[in-house]
Amino acid sequence: RMEGRGSYRMPTGTVYRGTLKDGMFEGKGELHFPGGGRYQAIWHRGVPVQGKYTFADGLEYEDKKWHYCDGYDRRFYAEICSGLKPAG
């Protein structure tokens, strides 16, 4: 079984980088998705116990303070950061 610090590439193209113990994700580690997203977490026996997802455009998902596309403000993250630009 895999042990120690390293990386593991899944058939889907997702890559795990971090610590492994007894063949499972353990401690600090990150999943890097083919589309550019990233999930940083603390793992215990292969299950994330605390984590944060970052979309490819830099938007960070947080459970408690999620105000993106909440019904009142439908702008994309880049538009929120840089302001609305005219089309074209």
PDB file of N, CA and C in Angstrom:
ATOM      1  N   ARG A   1       0.837  -1.183   0.000  1.00  0.00           N
ATOM      2  CA  ARG A   1       0.000   0.000   0.000  1.00  0.00           C
ATOM      3  C   ARG A   1       0.880   1.244   0.000  1.00  0.00           C
ATOM      4  N   MET A   2       0.304   2.338  -0.552  1.00  0.00           N
ATOM      5  CA  MET A   2       1.058   3.586  -0.652  1.00  0.00           C
ATOM      6  C   MET A   2       1.204   4.223   0.731  1.00  0.00           C
ATOM      7  N   GLU A   3       2.416   4.710   1.009  1.00  0.00           N
ATOM      8  CA  GLU A   3       2.711   5.359   2.292  1.00  0.00           C
ATOM      9  C   GLU A   3       3.603   6.563   2.048  1.00  0.00           C
ATOM     10  N   GLY A   4       3.418   7.624   2.842  1.00  0.00           N
ATOM     11  CA  GLY A   4       4.296   8.787   2.783  1.00  0.00           C
ATOM     12  C   GLY A   4       3.759   9.885   1.901  1.00  0.00           C
ATOM     13  N   ARG A   5       4.639  10.812   1.540  1.00  0.00           N
ATOM     14  CA  ARG A   5       4.257  11.975   0.734  1.00  0.00           C
ATOM     15  C   ARG A   5       4.460  11.633  -0.729  1.00  0.00           C
ATOM     16  N   GLY A   6       3.509  12.051  -1.569  1.00  0.00           N
ATOM     17  CA  GLY A   6       3.635  11.776  -2.990  1.00  0.00           C
ATOM     18  C   GLY A   6       2.435  12.273  -3.763  1.00  0.00           C
ATOM     19  N   SER A   7       2.290  11.724  -4.970  1.00  0.00           N
ATOM     20  CA  SER A   7       1.142  12.091  -5.800  1.00  0.00           C
ATOM     21  C   SER A   7       0.565  10.837  -6.426  1.00  0.00           C
ATOM     22  N   TYR A   8      -0.712  10.923  -6.768  1.00  0.00           N
ATOM     23  CA  TYR A   8      -1.428   9.792  -7.351  1.00  0.00           C
ATOM     24  C   TYR A   8      -2.344  10.325  -8.436  1.00  0.00           C
ATOM     25  N   ARG A   9      -2.176   9.806  -9.670  1.00  0.00           N
ATOM     26  CA  ARG A   9      -3.013  10.229 -10.790  1.00  0.00           C
ATOM     27  C   ARG A   9      -4.126   9.200 -10.995  1.00  0.00           C
ATOM     28  N   MET A  10      -5.368   9.687 -10.999  1.00  0.00           N
ATOM     29  CA  MET A  10      -6.533   8.830 -11.188  1.00  0.00           C
ATOM     30  C   MET A  10      -6.846   8.708 -12.679  1.00  0.00           C
ATOM     31  N   PRO A  11      -7.581   7.689 -13.086  1.00  0.00           N
ATOM     32  CA  PRO A  11      -7.917   7.514 -14.504  1.00  0.00           C
ATOM     33  C   PRO A  11      -8.676   8.707 -15.097  1.00  0.00           C
ATOM     34  N   THR A  12      -9.353   9.486 -14.281  1.00  0.00           N
ATOM     35  CA  THR A  12     -10.115  10.648 -14.754  1.00  0.00           C
ATOM     36  C   THR A  12      -9.219  11.846 -15.052  1.00  0.00           C
ATOM     37  N   GLY A  13      -7.927  11.770 -14.672  1.00  0.00           N
ATOM     38  CA  GLY A  13      -7.016  12.884 -14.851  1.00  0.00           C
ATOM     39  C   GLY A  13      -6.840  13.713 -13.594  1.00  0.00           C
ATOM     40  N   THR A  14      -7.645  13.469 -12.580  1.00  0.00           N
ATOM     41  CA  THR A  14      -7.510  14.156 -11.303  1.00  0.00           C
ATOM     42  C   THR A  14      -6.239  13.665 -10.612  1.00  0.00           C
ATOM     43  N   VAL A  15      -5.498  14.588 -10.013  1.00  0.00           N
ATOM     44  CA  VAL A  15      -4.243  14.241  -9.340  1.00  0.00           C
ATOM     45  C   VAL A  15      -4.340  14.614  -7.867  1.00  0.00           C
ATOM     46  N   TYR A  16      -3.961  13.665  -7.003  1.00  0.00           N
ATOM     47  CA  TYR A  16      -3.858  13.936  -5.570  1.00  0.00           C
ATOM     48  C   TYR A  16      -2.392  14.171  -5.255  1.00  0.00           C
ATOM     49  N   ARG A  17      -2.119  15.236  -4.507  1.00  0.00           N
ATOM     50  CA  ARG A  17      -0.759  15.518  -4.023  1.00  0.00           C
ATOM     51  C   ARG A  17      -0.839  15.718  -2.523  1.00  0.00           C
ATOM     52  N   GLY A  18      -0.106  14.913  -1.801  1.00  0.00           N
ATOM     53  CA  GLY A  18      -0.126  15.032  -0.350  1.00  0.00           C
ATOM     54  C   GLY A  18       0.346  13.768   0.315  1.00  0.00           C
ATOM     55  N   THR A  19      -0.136  13.535   1.521  1.00  0.00           N
ATOM     56  CA  THR A  19       0.282  12.402   2.330  1.00  0.00           C
ATOM     57  C   THR A  19      -0.681  11.234   2.164  1.00  0.00           C
ATOM     58  N   LEU A  20      -0.112  10.045   2.116  1.00  0.00           N
ATOM     59  CA  LEU A  20      -0.890   8.817   2.026  1.00  0.00           C
ATOM     60  C   LEU A  20      -0.487   7.894   3.172  1.00  0.00           C
ATOM     61  N   LYS A  21      -1.458   7.178   3.714  1.00  0.00           N
ATOM     62  CA  LYS A  21      -1.177   6.220   4.774  1.00  0.00           C
ATOM     63  C   LYS A  21      -2.052   4.996   4.558  1.00  0.00           C
ATOM     64  N   ASP A  22      -1.423   3.858   4.502  1.00  0.00           N
ATOM     65  CA  ASP A  22      -2.134   2.597   4.285  1.00  0.00           C
ATOM     66  C   ASP A  22      -2.997   2.648   3.023  1.00  0.00           C
ATOM     67  N   GLY A  23      -2.504   3.344   1.981  1.00  0.00           N
ATOM     68  CA  GLY A  23      -3.201   3.419   0.704  1.00  0.00           C
ATOM     69  C   GLY A  23      -4.320   4.437   0.636  1.00  0.00           C
ATOM     70  N   MET A  24      -4.485   5.244   1.688  1.00  0.00           N
ATOM     71  CA  MET A  24      -5.559   6.241   1.719  1.00  0.00           C
ATOM     72  C   MET A  24      -4.988   7.640   1.931  1.00  0.00           C
ATOM     73  N   PHE A  25      -5.735   8.659   1.489  1.00  0.00           N
ATOM     74  CA  PHE A  25      -5.341  10.043   1.741  1.00  0.00           C
ATOM     75  C   PHE A  25      -5.349  10.266   3.251  1.00  0.00           C
ATOM     76  N   GLU A  26      -4.296  10.926   3.751  1.00  0.00           N
ATOM     77  CA  GLU A  26      -4.186  11.151   5.194  1.00  0.00           C
ATOM     78  C   GLU A  26      -3.420  12.449   5.432  1.00  0.00           C
ATOM     79  N   GLY A  27      -3.921  13.305   6.320  1.00  0.00           N
ATOM     80  CA  GLY A  27      -3.260  14.580   6.600  1.00  0.00           C
ATOM     81  C   GLY A  27      -3.556  15.606   5.515  1.00  0.00           C
ATOM     82  N   LYS A  28      -2.615  16.529   5.290  1.00  0.00           N
ATOM     83  CA  LYS A  28      -2.820  17.583   4.290  1.00  0.00           C
ATOM     84  C   LYS A  28      -2.618  17.035   2.885  1.00  0.00           C
ATOM     85  N   GLY A  29      -3.549  17.422   2.002  1.00  0.00           N
ATOM     86  CA  GLY A  29      -3.432  17.009   0.615  1.00  0.00           C
ATOM     87  C   GLY A  29      -4.354  17.808  -0.274  1.00  0.00           C
ATOM     88  N   GLU A  30      -4.066  17.783  -1.573  1.00  0.00           N
ATOM     89  CA  GLU A  30      -4.860  18.535  -2.549  1.00  0.00           C
ATOM     90  C   GLU A  30      -5.255  17.640  -3.704  1.00  0.00           C
ATOM     91  N   LEU A  31      -6.475  17.833  -4.180  1.00  0.00           N
ATOM     92  CA  LEU A  31      -6.920  17.230  -5.424  1.00  0.00           C
ATOM     93  C   LEU A  31      -6.885  18.311  -6.491  1.00  0.00           C
ATOM     94  N   HIS A  32      -6.232  18.034  -7.609  1.00  0.00           N
ATOM     95  CA  HIS A  32      -6.168  18.964  -8.738  1.00  0.00           C
ATOM     96  C   HIS A  32      -6.981  18.354  -9.869  1.00  0.00           C
ATOM     97  N   PHE A  33      -8.030  19.049 -10.307  1.00  0.00           N
ATOM     98  CA  PHE A  33      -8.947  18.538 -11.316  1.00  0.00           C
ATOM     99  C   PHE A  33      -8.534  18.998 -12.709  1.00  0.00           C
ATOM    100  N   PRO A  34      -8.828  18.199 -13.741  1.00  0.00           N
ATOM    101  CA  PRO A  34      -8.415  18.537 -15.105  1.00  0.00           C
ATOM    102  C   PRO A  34      -8.892  19.912 -15.572  1.00  0.00           C
ATOM    103  N   GLY A  35     -10.039  20.371 -15.112  1.00  0.00           N
ATOM    104  CA  GLY A  35     -10.577  21.666 -15.527  1.00  0.00           C
ATOM    105  C   GLY A  35      -9.913  22.852 -14.843  1.00  0.00           C
ATOM    106  N   GLY A  36      -8.991  22.604 -13.916  1.00  0.00           N
ATOM    107  CA  GLY A  36      -8.278  23.684 -13.255  1.00  0.00           C
ATOM    108  C   GLY A  36      -8.701  23.927 -11.816  1.00  0.00           C
ATOM    109  N   GLY A  37      -9.757  23.278 -11.352  1.00  0.00           N
ATOM    110  CA  GLY A  37     -10.193  23.440  -9.964  1.00  0.00           C
ATOM    111  C   GLY A  37      -9.260  22.701  -9.014  1.00  0.00           C
ATOM    112  N   ARG A  38      -9.323  23.087  -7.735  1.00  0.00           N
ATOM    113  CA  ARG A  38      -8.441  22.484  -6.735  1.00  0.00           C
ATOM    114  C   ARG A  38      -9.195  22.352  -5.417  1.00  0.00           C
ATOM    115  N   TYR A  39      -9.036  21.212  -4.768  1.00  0.00           N
ATOM    116  CA  TYR A  39      -9.637  20.987  -3.460  1.00  0.00           C
ATOM    117  C   TYR A  39      -8.528  20.716  -2.457  1.00  0.00           C
ATOM    118  N   GLN A  40      -8.308  21.654  -1.529  1.00  0.00           N
ATOM    119  CA  GLN A  40      -7.316  21.505  -0.472  1.00  0.00           C
ATOM    120  C   GLN A  40      -8.046  21.021   0.774  1.00  0.00           C
ATOM    121  N   ALA A  41      -7.506  19.967   1.406  1.00  0.00           N
ATOM    122  CA  ALA A  41      -8.220  19.414   2.552  1.00  0.00           C
ATOM    123  C   ALA A  41      -7.264  18.769   3.541  1.00  0.00           C
ATOM    124  N   ILE A  42      -7.802  18.520   4.704  1.00  0.00           N
ATOM    125  CA  ILE A  42      -7.162  17.654   5.691  1.00  0.00           C
ATOM    126  C   ILE A  42      -7.983  16.370   5.667  1.00  0.00           C
ATOM    127  N   TRP A  43      -7.298  15.272   5.454  1.00  0.00           N
ATOM    128  CA  TRP A  43      -7.942  13.974   5.248  1.00  0.00           C
ATOM    129  C   TRP A  43      -7.698  13.059   6.449  1.00  0.00           C
ATOM    130  N   HIS A  44      -8.661  12.190   6.721  1.00  0.00           N
ATOM    131  CA  HIS A  44      -8.503  11.149   7.731  1.00  0.00           C
ATOM    132  C   HIS A  44      -9.094   9.866   7.171  1.00  0.00           C
ATOM    133  N   ARG A  45      -8.224   8.894   6.962  1.00  0.00           N
ATOM    134  CA  ARG A  45      -8.627   7.592   6.401  1.00  0.00           C
ATOM    135  C   ARG A  45      -9.371   7.742   5.076  1.00  0.00           C
ATOM    136  N   GLY A  46      -8.896   8.664   4.241  1.00  0.00           N
ATOM    137  CA  GLY A  46      -9.464   8.840   2.907  1.00  0.00           C
ATOM    138  C   GLY A  46     -10.671   9.749   2.824  1.00  0.00           C
ATOM    139  N   VAL A  47     -11.102  10.301   3.949  1.00  0.00           N
ATOM    140  CA  VAL A  47     -12.285  11.164   3.986  1.00  0.00           C
ATOM    141  C   VAL A  47     -11.859  12.585   4.378  1.00  0.00           C
ATOM    142  N   PRO A  48     -12.291  13.613   3.628  1.00  0.00           N
ATOM    143  CA  PRO A  48     -11.927  14.980   4.018  1.00  0.00           C
ATOM    144  C   PRO A  48     -12.688  15.405   5.278  1.00  0.00           C
ATOM    145  N   VAL A  49     -11.946  15.931   6.259  1.00  0.00           N
ATOM    146  CA  VAL A  49     -12.589  16.399   7.491  1.00  0.00           C
ATOM    147  C   VAL A  49     -12.672  17.919   7.515  1.00  0.00           C
ATOM    148  N   GLN A  50     -11.890  18.580   6.685  1.00  0.00           N
ATOM    149  CA  GLN A  50     -11.927  20.033   6.554  1.00  0.00           C
ATOM    150  C   GLN A  50     -11.326  20.369   5.198  1.00  0.00           C
ATOM    151  N   GLY A  51     -11.997  21.231   4.426  1.00  0.00           N
ATOM    152  CA  GLY A  51     -11.444  21.528   3.116  1.00  0.00           C
ATOM    153  C   GLY A  51     -12.014  22.780   2.475  1.00  0.00           C
ATOM    154  N   LYS A  52     -11.384  23.146   1.349  1.00  0.00           N
ATOM    155  CA  LYS A  52     -11.796  24.338   0.618  1.00  0.00           C
ATOM    156  C   LYS A  52     -11.609  24.064  -0.869  1.00  0.00           C
ATOM    157  N   TYR A  53     -12.630  24.376  -1.665  1.00  0.00           N
ATOM    158  CA  TYR A  53     -12.554  24.202  -3.114  1.00  0.00           C
ATOM    159  C   TYR A  53     -12.293  25.551  -3.769  1.00  0.00           C
ATOM    160  N   THR A  54     -11.343  25.579  -4.704  1.00  0.00           N
ATOM    161  CA  THR A  54     -11.035  26.780  -5.466  1.00  0.00           C
ATOM    162  C   THR A  54     -11.301  26.485  -6.933  1.00  0.00           C
ATOM    163  N   PHE A  55     -12.195  27.255  -7.544  1.00  0.00           N
ATOM    164  CA  PHE A  55     -12.505  27.085  -8.953  1.00  0.00           C
ATOM    165  C   PHE A  55     -11.329  27.540  -9.807  1.00  0.00           C
ATOM    166  N   ALA A  56     -11.328  27.157 -11.090  1.00  0.00           N
ATOM    167  CA  ALA A  56     -10.238  27.491 -12.005  1.00  0.00           C
ATOM    168  C   ALA A  56     -10.026  28.999 -12.123  1.00  0.00           C
ATOM    169  N   ASP A  57     -11.075  29.802 -11.946  1.00  0.00           N
ATOM    170  CA  ASP A  57     -10.943  31.257 -12.080  1.00  0.00           C
ATOM    171  C   ASP A  57     -10.517  31.943 -10.774  1.00  0.00           C
ATOM    172  N   GLY A  58     -10.254  31.160  -9.728  1.00  0.00           N
ATOM    173  CA  GLY A  58      -9.786  31.725  -8.470  1.00  0.00           C
ATOM    174  C   GLY A  58     -10.864  31.899  -7.414  1.00  0.00           C
ATOM    175  N   LEU A  59     -12.131  31.725  -7.774  1.00  0.00           N
ATOM    176  CA  LEU A  59     -13.220  31.841  -6.808  1.00  0.00           C
ATOM    177  C   LEU A  59     -13.099  30.716  -5.781  1.00  0.00           C
ATOM    178  N   GLU A  60     -13.140  31.069  -4.503  1.00  0.00           N
ATOM    179  CA  GLU A  60     -13.036  30.084  -3.439  1.00  0.00           C
ATOM    180  C   GLU A  60     -14.412  29.793  -2.860  1.00  0.00           C
ATOM    181  N   TYR A  61     -14.722  28.509  -2.725  1.00  0.00           N
ATOM    182  CA  TYR A  61     -15.994  28.100  -2.145  1.00  0.00           C
ATOM    183  C   TYR A  61     -15.832  27.956  -0.638  1.00  0.00           C
ATOM    184  N   GLU A  62     -16.690  28.641   0.102  1.00  0.00           N
ATOM    185  CA  GLU A  62     -16.742  28.520   1.552  1.00  0.00           C
ATOM    186  C   GLU A  62     -18.186  28.260   1.939  1.00  0.00           C
ATOM    187  N   ASP A  63     -18.414  27.224   2.723  1.00  0.00           N
ATOM    188  CA  ASP A  63     -19.771  26.851   3.133  1.00  0.00           C
ATOM    189  C   ASP A  63     -20.555  27.995   3.747  1.00  0.00           C
ATOM    190  N   LYS A  64     -19.950  28.718   4.664  1.00  0.00           N
ATOM    191  CA  LYS A  64     -20.688  29.666   5.474  1.00  0.00           C
ATOM    192  C   LYS A  64     -20.854  31.039   4.857  1.00  0.00           C
ATOM    193  N   LYS A  65     -19.966  31.438   3.956  1.00  0.00           N
ATOM    194  CA  LYS A  65     -20.031  32.786   3.393  1.00  0.00           C
ATOM    195  C   LYS A  65     -20.167  32.741   1.878  1.00  0.00           C
ATOM    196  N   TRP A  66     -21.026  31.907   1.385  1.00  0.00           N
ATOM    197  CA  TRP A  66     -21.176  31.728  -0.058  1.00  0.00           C
ATOM    198  C   TRP A  66     -22.219  32.710  -0.584  1.00  0.00           C
ATOM    199  N   HIS A  67     -21.762  33.781  -1.251  1.00  0.00           N
ATOM    200  CA  HIS A  67     -22.659  34.802  -1.780  1.00  0.00           C
ATOM    201  C   HIS A  67     -22.636  34.858  -3.296  1.00  0.00           C
ATOM    202  N   TYR A  68     -21.994  33.927  -3.936  1.00  0.00           N
ATOM    203  CA  TYR A  68     -21.854  33.939  -5.391  1.00  0.00           C
ATOM    204  C   TYR A  68     -23.116  33.371  -6.037  1.00  0.00           C
ATOM    205  N   CYS A  69     -23.667  34.080  -6.999  1.00  0.00           N
ATOM    206  CA  CYS A  69     -24.894  33.655  -7.707  1.00  0.00           C
ATOM    207  C   CYS A  69     -25.994  33.290  -6.715  1.00  0.00           C
ATOM    208  N   ASP A  70     -26.289  34.191  -5.801  1.00  0.00           N
ATOM    209  CA  ASP A  70     -27.264  33.905  -4.754  1.00  0.00           C
ATOM    210  C   ASP A  70     -28.686  34.315  -5.117  1.00  0.00           C
ATOM    211  N   GLY A  71     -28.901  34.729  -6.345  1.00  0.00           N
ATOM    212  CA  GLY A  71     -30.229  35.141  -6.755  1.00  0.00           C
ATOM    213  C   GLY A  71     -30.330  36.632  -6.944  1.00  0.00           C
ATOM    214  N   TYR A  72     -29.599  37.412  -6.168  1.00  0.00           N
ATOM    215  CA  TYR A  72     -29.621  38.866  -6.275  1.00  0.00           C
ATOM    216  C   TYR A  72     -28.500  39.383  -7.167  1.00  0.00           C
ATOM    217  N   ASP A  73     -27.355  38.748  -7.115  1.00  0.00           N
ATOM    218  CA  ASP A  73     -26.198  39.173  -7.893  1.00  0.00           C
ATOM    219  C   ASP A  73     -25.763  38.008  -8.775  1.00  0.00           C
ATOM    220  N   ARG A  74     -26.047  38.083 -10.069  1.00  0.00           N
ATOM    221  CA  ARG A  74     -25.787  36.969 -10.975  1.00  0.00           C
ATOM    222  C   ARG A  74     -24.509  37.146 -11.800  1.00  0.00           C
ATOM    223  N   ARG A  75     -23.632  38.088 -11.418  1.00  0.00           N
ATOM    224  CA  ARG A  75     -22.391  38.290 -12.167  1.00  0.00           C
ATOM    225  C   ARG A  75     -21.433  37.115 -11.972  1.00  0.00           C
ATOM    226  N   PHE A  76     -20.556  36.898 -12.976  1.00  0.00           N
ATOM    227  CA  PHE A  76     -19.496  35.923 -12.851  1.00  0.00           C
ATOM    228  C   PHE A  76     -18.423  36.472 -11.922  1.00  0.00           C
ATOM    229  N   TYR A  77     -17.585  35.590 -11.375  1.00  0.00           N
ATOM    230  CA  TYR A  77     -16.541  35.990 -10.432  1.00  0.00           C
ATOM    231  C   TYR A  77     -15.600  37.024 -11.041  1.00  0.00           C
ATOM    232  N   ALA A  78     -15.199  36.839 -12.295  1.00  0.00           N
ATOM    233  CA  ALA A  78     -14.308  37.794 -12.963  1.00  0.00           C
ATOM    234  C   ALA A  78     -14.976  39.163 -13.078  1.00  0.00           C
ATOM    235  N   GLU A  79     -16.275  39.198 -13.275  1.00  0.00           N
ATOM    236  CA  GLU A  79     -17.005  40.468 -13.360  1.00  0.00           C
ATOM    237  C   GLU A  79     -17.080  41.153 -12.000  1.00  0.00           C
ATOM    238  N   ILE A  80     -17.183  40.382 -10.959  1.00  0.00           N
ATOM    239  CA  ILE A  80     -17.209  40.937  -9.603  1.00  0.00           C
ATOM    240  C   ILE A  80     -15.845  41.564  -9.301  1.00  0.00           C
ATOM    241  N   CYS A  81     -14.765  40.870  -9.658  1.00  0.00           N
ATOM    242  CA  CYS A  81     -13.403  41.351  -9.378  1.00  0.00           C
ATOM    243  C   CYS A  81     -13.000  42.522 -10.253  1.00  0.00           C
ATOM    244  N   SER A  82     -13.359  42.482 -11.562  1.00  0.00           N
ATOM    245  CA  SER A  82     -12.869  43.475 -12.520  1.00  0.00           C
ATOM    246  C   SER A  82     -13.923  44.451 -12.984  1.00  0.00           C
ATOM    247  N   GLY A  83     -15.144  44.284 -12.539  1.00  0.00           N
ATOM    248  CA  GLY A  83     -16.237  45.134 -13.018  1.00  0.00           C
ATOM    249  C   GLY A  83     -16.820  44.584 -14.308  1.00  0.00           C
ATOM    250  N   LEU A  84     -18.019  45.032 -14.623  1.00  0.00           N
ATOM    251  CA  LEU A  84     -18.674  44.587 -15.848  1.00  0.00           C
ATOM    252  C   LEU A  84     -18.024  45.256 -17.055  1.00  0.00           C
ATOM    253  N   LYS A  85     -17.720  44.479 -18.056  1.00  0.00           N
ATOM    254  CA  LYS A  85     -17.118  44.986 -19.290  1.00  0.00           C
ATOM    255  C   LYS A  85     -18.165  44.903 -20.408  1.00  0.00           C
ATOM    256  N   PRO A  86     -18.155  45.829 -21.352  1.00  0.00           N
ATOM    257  CA  PRO A  86     -19.102  45.735 -22.467  1.00  0.00           C
ATOM    258  C   PRO A  86     -18.792  44.512 -23.326  1.00  0.00           C
ATOM    259  N   ALA A  87     -19.807  43.952 -23.936  1.00  0.00           N
ATOM    260  CA  ALA A  87     -19.627  42.763 -24.787  1.00  0.00           C
ATOM    261  C   ALA A  87     -18.740  43.127 -25.979  1.00  0.00           C
ATOM    262  N   GLY A  88     -17.861  42.195 -26.354  1.00  0.00           N
ATOM    263  CA  GLY A  88     -16.980  42.394 -27.512  1.00  0.00           C
ATOM    264  C   GLY A  88     -15.806  43.189 -27.144  1.00  0.00           C
TER     265      GLY A  88
END
